[in-house]
Structures are given as structure tokens and as C-alpha cells.
Amino acid sequence: MAKIKSWEVSDSFWERVEPLIPKPQRDPNLTYKRKPGGGRKPMLPRRIFEAIV
């Protein structure tokens, strides 16, 4: 078993937890357009989960 850093979530744990996290839902009828310089791209759910745990 490989060592992981204390703030990282192992792959096996993530496989069990990922289905429990709701996926962001977007309206397929809307066109989403970011303004230039209008913010950051969304973070990966795994990164957010690692920060919380």
C-alpha cells in the first residue's frame, strides 16, 4: 500500500465516497458563458472533499 499525505484521500476511500456527493446540475436549455476574467474554473469535487476532511 502506497503512503499518502495526511490531507489526501486514498483512491479506495474516494471510490466509496464519490457516489454520495451530489453532482452539480446545469440547465441544458441555458447557455452558460463566462466573462473574460470572470472567475475561476470549478474545483474538482475530490479536492474540495480533501479540504473538508
PDB file of N, CA and C in Angstrom:
ATOM      1  N   MET A   1       0.847  -1.190   0.000  1.00  0.00           N
ATOM      2  CA  MET A   1       0.000   0.000   0.000  1.00  0.00           C
ATOM      3  C   MET A   1       0.884   1.243   0.000  1.00  0.00           C
ATOM      4  N   ALA A   2       0.631   2.136  -0.906  1.00  0.00           N
ATOM      5  CA  ALA A   2       1.425   3.350  -1.026  1.00  0.00           C
ATOM      6  C   ALA A   2       1.051   4.337   0.074  1.00  0.00           C
ATOM      7  N   LYS A   3       2.046   5.097   0.503  1.00  0.00           N
ATOM      8  CA  LYS A   3       1.782   6.125   1.512  1.00  0.00           C
ATOM      9  C   LYS A   3       1.157   7.336   0.836  1.00  0.00           C
ATOM     10  N   ILE A   4       0.219   7.935   1.516  1.00  0.00           N
ATOM     11  CA  ILE A   4      -0.389   9.163   1.012  1.00  0.00           C
ATOM     12  C   ILE A   4      -0.185  10.255   2.039  1.00  0.00           C
ATOM     13  N   LYS A   5      -0.260  11.482   1.598  1.00  0.00           N
ATOM     14  CA  LYS A   5      -0.101  12.616   2.508  1.00  0.00           C
ATOM     15  C   LYS A   5      -1.342  12.728   3.383  1.00  0.00           C
ATOM     16  N   SER A   6      -1.187  13.332   4.530  1.00  0.00           N
ATOM     17  CA  SER A   6      -2.277  13.359   5.512  1.00  0.00           C
ATOM     18  C   SER A   6      -3.525  14.087   5.009  1.00  0.00           C
ATOM     19  N   TRP A   7      -3.375  14.999   4.072  1.00  0.00           N
ATOM     20  CA  TRP A   7      -4.546  15.738   3.591  1.00  0.00           C
ATOM     21  C   TRP A   7      -5.163  15.115   2.335  1.00  0.00           C
ATOM     22  N   GLU A   8      -4.543  14.076   1.801  1.00  0.00           N
ATOM     23  CA  GLU A   8      -5.076  13.441   0.607  1.00  0.00           C
ATOM     24  C   GLU A   8      -6.018  12.296   0.962  1.00  0.00           C
ATOM     25  N   VAL A   9      -6.968  12.062   0.105  1.00  0.00           N
ATOM     26  CA  VAL A   9      -7.919  10.966   0.262  1.00  0.00           C
ATOM     27  C   VAL A   9      -7.433   9.821  -0.624  1.00  0.00           C
ATOM     28  N   SER A  10      -7.358   8.627  -0.070  1.00  0.00           N
ATOM     29  CA  SER A  10      -6.889   7.484  -0.858  1.00  0.00           C
ATOM     30  C   SER A  10      -7.893   7.153  -1.964  1.00  0.00           C
ATOM     31  N   ASP A  11      -7.409   6.500  -3.002  1.00  0.00           N
ATOM     32  CA  ASP A  11      -8.272   6.140  -4.130  1.00  0.00           C
ATOM     33  C   ASP A  11      -9.392   5.195  -3.704  1.00  0.00           C
ATOM     34  N   SER A  12      -9.064   4.246  -2.843  1.00  0.00           N
ATOM     35  CA  SER A  12     -10.090   3.290  -2.412  1.00  0.00           C
ATOM     36  C   SER A  12     -11.182   3.977  -1.591  1.00  0.00           C
ATOM     37  N   PHE A  13     -10.794   4.938  -0.743  1.00  0.00           N
ATOM     38  CA  PHE A  13     -11.784   5.683   0.038  1.00  0.00           C
ATOM     39  C   PHE A  13     -12.624   6.572  -0.883  1.00  0.00           C
ATOM     40  N   TRP A  14     -11.973   7.206  -1.854  1.00  0.00           N
ATOM     41  CA  TRP A  14     -12.691   8.083  -2.772  1.00  0.00           C
ATOM     42  C   TRP A  14     -13.715   7.303  -3.587  1.00  0.00           C
ATOM     43  N   GLU A  15     -13.395   6.079  -3.975  1.00  0.00           N
ATOM     44  CA  GLU A  15     -14.349   5.252  -4.718  1.00  0.00           C
ATOM     45  C   GLU A  15     -15.615   4.993  -3.908  1.00  0.00           C
ATOM     46  N   ARG A  16     -15.480   4.917  -2.601  1.00  0.00           N
ATOM     47  CA  ARG A  16     -16.642   4.677  -1.742  1.00  0.00           C
ATOM     48  C   ARG A  16     -17.428   5.958  -1.480  1.00  0.00           C
ATOM     49  N   VAL A  17     -16.745   7.090  -1.442  1.00  0.00           N
ATOM     50  CA  VAL A  17     -17.377   8.359  -1.064  1.00  0.00           C
ATOM     51  C   VAL A  17     -17.969   9.099  -2.264  1.00  0.00           C
ATOM     52  N   GLU A  18     -17.344   8.999  -3.410  1.00  0.00           N
ATOM     53  CA  GLU A  18     -17.758   9.785  -4.581  1.00  0.00           C
ATOM     54  C   GLU A  18     -19.237   9.645  -4.932  1.00  0.00           C
ATOM     55  N   PRO A  19     -19.823   8.438  -4.900  1.00  0.00           N
ATOM     56  CA  PRO A  19     -21.257   8.339  -5.233  1.00  0.00           C
ATOM     57  C   PRO A  19     -22.172   9.076  -4.251  1.00  0.00           C
ATOM     58  N   LEU A  20     -21.685   9.388  -3.065  1.00  0.00           N
ATOM     59  CA  LEU A  20     -22.501  10.063  -2.061  1.00  0.00           C
ATOM     60  C   LEU A  20     -22.540  11.578  -2.247  1.00  0.00           C
ATOM     61  N   ILE A  21     -21.623  12.109  -3.045  1.00  0.00           N
ATOM     62  CA  ILE A  21     -21.538  13.554  -3.256  1.00  0.00           C
ATOM     63  C   ILE A  21     -22.408  13.922  -4.457  1.00  0.00           C
ATOM     64  N   PRO A  22     -23.345  14.870  -4.283  1.00  0.00           N
ATOM     65  CA  PRO A  22     -24.223  15.231  -5.405  1.00  0.00           C
ATOM     66  C   PRO A  22     -23.439  15.915  -6.524  1.00  0.00           C
ATOM     67  N   LYS A  23     -23.798  15.610  -7.749  1.00  0.00           N
ATOM     68  CA  LYS A  23     -23.168  16.215  -8.925  1.00  0.00           C
ATOM     69  C   LYS A  23     -23.830  17.558  -9.201  1.00  0.00           C
ATOM     70  N   PRO A  24     -23.059  18.568  -9.613  1.00  0.00           N
ATOM     71  CA  PRO A  24     -23.677  19.840  -9.979  1.00  0.00           C
ATOM     72  C   PRO A  24     -24.544  19.661 -11.215  1.00  0.00           C
ATOM     73  N   GLN A  25     -25.741  20.203 -11.159  1.00  0.00           N
ATOM     74  CA  GLN A  25     -26.666  20.071 -12.282  1.00  0.00           C
ATOM     75  C   GLN A  25     -26.834  21.425 -12.954  1.00  0.00           C
ATOM     76  N   ARG A  26     -26.730  21.420 -14.266  1.00  0.00           N
ATOM     77  CA  ARG A  26     -26.898  22.640 -15.038  1.00  0.00           C
ATOM     78  C   ARG A  26     -28.101  22.475 -15.949  1.00  0.00           C
ATOM     79  N   ASP A  27     -28.783  23.549 -16.181  1.00  0.00           N
ATOM     80  CA  ASP A  27     -29.951  23.538 -17.058  1.00  0.00           C
ATOM     81  C   ASP A  27     -29.482  23.393 -18.507  1.00  0.00           C
ATOM     82  N   PRO A  28     -29.865  22.323 -19.198  1.00  0.00           N
ATOM     83  CA  PRO A  28     -29.400  22.136 -20.583  1.00  0.00           C
ATOM     84  C   PRO A  28     -29.969  23.160 -21.563  1.00  0.00           C
ATOM     85  N   ASN A  29     -31.016  23.868 -21.165  1.00  0.00           N
ATOM     86  CA  ASN A  29     -31.627  24.859 -22.051  1.00  0.00           C
ATOM     87  C   ASN A  29     -30.934  26.214 -21.983  1.00  0.00           C
ATOM     88  N   LEU A  30     -30.088  26.419 -20.996  1.00  0.00           N
ATOM     89  CA  LEU A  30     -29.393  27.693 -20.846  1.00  0.00           C
ATOM     90  C   LEU A  30     -28.007  27.620 -21.462  1.00  0.00           C
ATOM     91  N   THR A  31     -27.540  28.764 -21.961  1.00  0.00           N
ATOM     92  CA  THR A  31     -26.173  28.870 -22.456  1.00  0.00           C
ATOM     93  C   THR A  31     -25.362  29.588 -21.388  1.00  0.00           C
ATOM     94  N   TYR A  32     -24.363  28.904 -20.874  1.00  0.00           N
ATOM     95  CA  TYR A  32     -23.519  29.482 -19.842  1.00  0.00           C
ATOM     96  C   TYR A  32     -22.282  30.067 -20.500  1.00  0.00           C
ATOM     97  N   LYS A  33     -22.020  31.331 -20.209  1.00  0.00           N
ATOM     98  CA  LYS A  33     -20.882  31.999 -20.808  1.00  0.00           C
ATOM     99  C   LYS A  33     -20.173  32.807 -19.728  1.00  0.00           C
ATOM    100  N   ARG A  34     -18.912  32.494 -19.535  1.00  0.00           N
ATOM    101  CA  ARG A  34     -18.122  33.252 -18.561  1.00  0.00           C
ATOM    102  C   ARG A  34     -17.560  34.495 -19.223  1.00  0.00           C
ATOM    103  N   LYS A  35     -17.569  35.585 -18.490  1.00  0.00           N
ATOM    104  CA  LYS A  35     -16.946  36.802 -18.979  1.00  0.00           C
ATOM    105  C   LYS A  35     -15.432  36.612 -18.926  1.00  0.00           C
ATOM    106  N   PRO A  36     -14.684  37.286 -19.804  1.00  0.00           N
ATOM    107  CA  PRO A  36     -13.230  37.194 -19.716  1.00  0.00           C
ATOM    108  C   PRO A  36     -12.756  37.681 -18.346  1.00  0.00           C
ATOM    109  N   GLY A  37     -11.986  36.870 -17.684  1.00  0.00           N
ATOM    110  CA  GLY A  37     -11.519  37.220 -16.345  1.00  0.00           C
ATOM    111  C   GLY A  37     -12.618  37.139 -15.311  1.00  0.00           C
ATOM    112  N   GLY A  38     -13.687  36.425 -15.599  1.00  0.00           N
ATOM    113  CA  GLY A  38     -14.852  36.383 -14.728  1.00  0.00           C
ATOM    114  C   GLY A  38     -14.837  35.294 -13.683  1.00  0.00           C
ATOM    115  N   GLY A  39     -13.697  34.964 -13.167  1.00  0.00           N
ATOM    116  CA  GLY A  39     -13.659  33.980 -12.094  1.00  0.00           C
ATOM    117  C   GLY A  39     -12.852  32.746 -12.450  1.00  0.00           C
ATOM    118  N   ARG A  40     -12.803  31.858 -11.498  1.00  0.00           N
ATOM    119  CA  ARG A  40     -12.024  30.634 -11.654  1.00  0.00           C
ATOM    120  C   ARG A  40     -12.882  29.507 -12.197  1.00  0.00           C
ATOM    121  N   LYS A  41     -12.205  28.497 -12.739  1.00  0.00           N
ATOM    122  CA  LYS A  41     -12.898  27.285 -13.141  1.00  0.00           C
ATOM    123  C   LYS A  41     -13.292  26.537 -11.875  1.00  0.00           C
ATOM    124  N   PRO A  42     -14.348  25.741 -11.927  1.00  0.00           N
ATOM    125  CA  PRO A  42     -14.758  24.984 -10.744  1.00  0.00           C
ATOM    126  C   PRO A  42     -13.670  24.002 -10.309  1.00  0.00           C
ATOM    127  N   MET A  43     -13.549  23.826  -9.002  1.00  0.00           N
ATOM    128  CA  MET A  43     -12.580  22.875  -8.466  1.00  0.00           C
ATOM    129  C   MET A  43     -13.135  21.460  -8.558  1.00  0.00           C
ATOM    130  N   LEU A  44     -12.246  20.495  -8.589  1.00  0.00           N
ATOM    131  CA  LEU A  44     -12.646  19.093  -8.601  1.00  0.00           C
ATOM    132  C   LEU A  44     -13.294  18.726  -7.269  1.00  0.00           C
ATOM    133  N   PRO A  45     -14.357  17.951  -7.292  1.00  0.00           N
ATOM    134  CA  PRO A  45     -15.014  17.558  -6.043  1.00  0.00           C
ATOM    135  C   PRO A  45     -14.069  16.851  -5.067  1.00  0.00           C
ATOM    136  N   ARG A  46     -13.126  16.090  -5.589  1.00  0.00           N
ATOM    137  CA  ARG A  46     -12.182  15.387  -4.711  1.00  0.00           C
ATOM    138  C   ARG A  46     -11.316  16.382  -3.943  1.00  0.00           C
ATOM    139  N   ARG A  47     -10.879  17.454  -4.588  1.00  0.00           N
ATOM    140  CA  ARG A  47     -10.072  18.486  -3.912  1.00  0.00           C
ATOM    141  C   ARG A  47     -10.868  19.168  -2.802  1.00  0.00           C
ATOM    142  N   ILE A  48     -12.116  19.452  -3.061  1.00  0.00           N
ATOM    143  CA  ILE A  48     -12.963  20.092  -2.056  1.00  0.00           C
ATOM    144  C   ILE A  48     -13.161  19.149  -0.875  1.00  0.00           C
ATOM    145  N   PHE A  49     -13.412  17.880  -1.158  1.00  0.00           N
ATOM    146  CA  PHE A  49     -13.601  16.886  -0.103  1.00  0.00           C
ATOM    147  C   PHE A  49     -12.338  16.745   0.739  1.00  0.00           C
ATOM    148  N   GLU A  50     -11.161  16.753   0.099  1.00  0.00           N
ATOM    149  CA  GLU A  50      -9.900  16.661   0.838  1.00  0.00           C
ATOM    150  C   GLU A  50      -9.729  17.854   1.774  1.00  0.00           C
ATOM    151  N   ALA A  51     -10.142  19.032   1.327  1.00  0.00           N
ATOM    152  CA  ALA A  51     -10.016  20.219   2.171  1.00  0.00           C
ATOM    153  C   ALA A  51     -10.947  20.148   3.380  1.00  0.00           C
ATOM    154  N   ILE A  52     -12.125  19.579   3.196  1.00  0.00           N
ATOM    155  CA  ILE A  52     -13.080  19.483   4.297  1.00  0.00           C
ATOM    156  C   ILE A  52     -12.645  18.443   5.313  1.00  0.00           C
ATOM    157  N   VAL A  53     -12.202  17.293   4.811  1.00  0.00           N
ATOM    158  CA  VAL A  53     -11.822  16.188   5.698  1.00  0.00           C
ATOM    159  C   VAL A  53     -10.469  16.488   6.271  1.00  0.00           C
TER     160      VAL A  53
END
